[in-house]
Amino acid sequence: MTQSPNLSSTKPAPATAEAPVAQLSPQAVRKENGLTQLEMAELLGMSEFGYTEWESGNRRAGGPAYRLLHLIDRDGDQVLDALRAIPS
């Protein structure tokens, strides 16, 4: 009888794509795109308080927020237009 391979040992290591993204400054990306804290919070689906805490370093946002931040940094106009088109 053949044993099943140990899948946990064959799995690739978790992606580290967030590491460089986490280095982005939410405040810098926001200012570069001419947004207020409230506008940025709404586009990211966060409360203004939560966003302000993230920007000031008192809170750490989750992966989706970092990914959106990266996209806004890379393709600001297109991503912001797409986010604005989503009904709130």
C-alpha atoms as a PDB file:
ATOM      1  CA  MET A   1       0.000   0.000   0.000  1.00  0.00           C
ATOM      2  CA  THR A   2       1.362   3.419  -0.915  1.00  0.00           C
ATOM      3  CA  GLN A   3       1.318   6.089   1.739  1.00  0.00           C
ATOM      4  CA  SER A   4      -0.054   9.497   0.916  1.00  0.00           C
ATOM      5  CA  PRO A   5       2.662  12.113   0.827  1.00  0.00           C
ATOM      6  CA  ASN A   6       2.744  14.582   3.668  1.00  0.00           C
ATOM      7  CA  LEU A   7       1.169  17.557   1.932  1.00  0.00           C
ATOM      8  CA  SER A   8       2.367  20.019   4.531  1.00  0.00           C
ATOM      9  CA  SER A   9       5.982  19.230   3.638  1.00  0.00           C
ATOM     10  CA  THR A  10       5.338  19.688  -0.091  1.00  0.00           C
ATOM     11  CA  LYS A  11       3.479  22.972   0.203  1.00  0.00           C
ATOM     12  CA  PRO A  12       5.405  26.024  -0.890  1.00  0.00           C
ATOM     13  CA  ALA A  13       6.223  28.566   1.753  1.00  0.00           C
ATOM     14  CA  PRO A  14       3.559  31.243   2.282  1.00  0.00           C
ATOM     15  CA  ALA A  15       3.749  34.107  -0.171  1.00  0.00           C
ATOM     16  CA  THR A  16       5.730  37.051   1.040  1.00  0.00           C
ATOM     17  CA  ALA A  17       4.221  39.517  -1.421  1.00  0.00           C
ATOM     18  CA  GLU A  18       2.962  41.610   1.494  1.00  0.00           C
ATOM     19  CA  ALA A  19       6.452  42.323   2.778  1.00  0.00           C
ATOM     20  CA  PRO A  20       7.357  44.952   0.145  1.00  0.00           C
ATOM     21  CA  VAL A  21       3.774  46.204   0.008  1.00  0.00           C
ATOM     22  CA  ALA A  22       3.777  46.710   3.774  1.00  0.00           C
ATOM     23  CA  GLN A  23       6.650  49.138   3.302  1.00  0.00           C
ATOM     24  CA  LEU A  24       4.369  51.546   1.451  1.00  0.00           C
ATOM     25  CA  SER A  25       3.257  54.548   3.441  1.00  0.00           C
ATOM     26  CA  PRO A  26      -0.527  54.941   3.374  1.00  0.00           C
ATOM     27  CA  GLN A  27      -0.089  58.668   3.973  1.00  0.00           C
ATOM     28  CA  ALA A  28       2.354  59.066   1.073  1.00  0.00           C
ATOM     29  CA  VAL A  29       0.115  57.140  -1.333  1.00  0.00           C
ATOM     30  CA  ARG A  30      -2.927  59.120  -0.176  1.00  0.00           C
ATOM     31  CA  LYS A  31      -1.212  62.487  -0.571  1.00  0.00           C
ATOM     32  CA  GLU A  32       0.304  61.541  -3.929  1.00  0.00           C
ATOM     33  CA  ASN A  33      -3.222  60.900  -5.178  1.00  0.00           C
ATOM     34  CA  GLY A  34      -4.669  64.083  -3.671  1.00  0.00           C
ATOM     35  CA  LEU A  35      -7.069  62.335  -1.295  1.00  0.00           C
ATOM     36  CA  THR A  36      -8.252  63.262   2.178  1.00  0.00           C
ATOM     37  CA  GLN A  37      -8.126  60.693   4.966  1.00  0.00           C
ATOM     38  CA  LEU A  38     -11.902  60.290   4.742  1.00  0.00           C
ATOM     39  CA  GLU A  39     -11.799  59.736   0.971  1.00  0.00           C
ATOM     40  CA  MET A  40      -9.005  57.175   1.287  1.00  0.00           C
ATOM     41  CA  ALA A  41     -10.799  55.369   4.114  1.00  0.00           C
ATOM     42  CA  GLU A  42     -14.010  55.135   2.091  1.00  0.00           C
ATOM     43  CA  LEU A  43     -12.184  53.849  -0.996  1.00  0.00           C
ATOM     44  CA  LEU A  44     -10.449  51.156   1.073  1.00  0.00           C
ATOM     45  CA  GLY A  45     -13.697  50.214   2.823  1.00  0.00           C
ATOM     46  CA  MET A  46     -12.438  51.333   6.222  1.00  0.00           C
ATOM     47  CA  SER A  47     -13.748  53.740   8.815  1.00  0.00           C
ATOM     48  CA  GLU A  48     -12.067  57.123   8.928  1.00  0.00           C
ATOM     49  CA  PHE A  49     -10.904  56.347  12.481  1.00  0.00           C
ATOM     50  CA  GLY A  50      -9.426  52.996  11.424  1.00  0.00           C
ATOM     51  CA  TYR A  51      -7.667  54.541   8.451  1.00  0.00           C
ATOM     52  CA  THR A  52      -6.294  57.421  10.537  1.00  0.00           C
ATOM     53  CA  GLU A  53      -4.977  54.923  13.088  1.00  0.00           C
ATOM     54  CA  TRP A  54      -3.311  52.937  10.288  1.00  0.00           C
ATOM     55  CA  GLU A  55      -1.756  56.046   8.785  1.00  0.00           C
ATOM     56  CA  SER A  56      -0.405  57.173  12.168  1.00  0.00           C
ATOM     57  CA  GLY A  57       1.071  53.731  12.871  1.00  0.00           C
ATOM     58  CA  ASN A  58      -1.262  52.871  15.755  1.00  0.00           C
ATOM     59  CA  ARG A  59      -3.008  50.125  13.798  1.00  0.00           C
ATOM     60  CA  ARG A  60      -1.946  47.562  11.265  1.00  0.00           C
ATOM     61  CA  ALA A  61      -4.271  46.976   8.341  1.00  0.00           C
ATOM     62  CA  GLY A  62      -4.915  43.563   6.839  1.00  0.00           C
ATOM     63  CA  GLY A  63      -3.619  42.136   3.586  1.00  0.00           C
ATOM     64  CA  PRO A  64      -6.451  43.366   1.353  1.00  0.00           C
ATOM     65  CA  ALA A  65      -5.857  46.979   2.422  1.00  0.00           C
ATOM     66  CA  TYR A  66      -2.137  46.641   1.681  1.00  0.00           C
ATOM     67  CA  ARG A  67      -2.894  45.130  -1.705  1.00  0.00           C
ATOM     68  CA  LEU A  68      -5.263  47.980  -2.577  1.00  0.00           C
ATOM     69  CA  LEU A  69      -2.655  50.468  -1.368  1.00  0.00           C
ATOM     70  CA  HIS A  70      -0.101  48.851  -3.682  1.00  0.00           C
ATOM     71  CA  LEU A  71      -2.510  49.027  -6.628  1.00  0.00           C
ATOM     72  CA  ILE A  72      -3.325  52.669  -5.912  1.00  0.00           C
ATOM     73  CA  ASP A  73       0.395  53.422  -5.712  1.00  0.00           C
ATOM     74  CA  ARG A  74       1.086  51.648  -8.994  1.00  0.00           C
ATOM     75  CA  ASP A  75      -1.960  52.650 -11.085  1.00  0.00           C
ATOM     76  CA  GLY A  76      -3.646  55.387  -9.066  1.00  0.00           C
ATOM     77  CA  ASP A  77      -6.033  56.920 -11.573  1.00  0.00           C
ATOM     78  CA  GLN A  78      -7.360  53.629 -12.940  1.00  0.00           C
ATOM     79  CA  VAL A  79      -7.724  51.972  -9.545  1.00  0.00           C
ATOM     80  CA  LEU A  80      -9.330  55.020  -7.951  1.00  0.00           C
ATOM     81  CA  ASP A  81     -11.822  55.285 -10.827  1.00  0.00           C
ATOM     82  CA  ALA A  82     -12.678  51.589 -10.434  1.00  0.00           C
ATOM     83  CA  LEU A  83     -13.083  51.915  -6.654  1.00  0.00           C
ATOM     84  CA  ARG A  84     -15.269  55.009  -7.038  1.00  0.00           C
ATOM     85  CA  ALA A  85     -17.527  53.095  -9.440  1.00  0.00           C
ATOM     86  CA  ILE A  86     -18.352  50.495  -6.777  1.00  0.00           C
ATOM     87  CA  PRO A  87     -21.603  51.430  -5.019  1.00  0.00           C
ATOM     88  CA  SER A  88     -21.181  51.962  -1.292  1.00  0.00           C
END
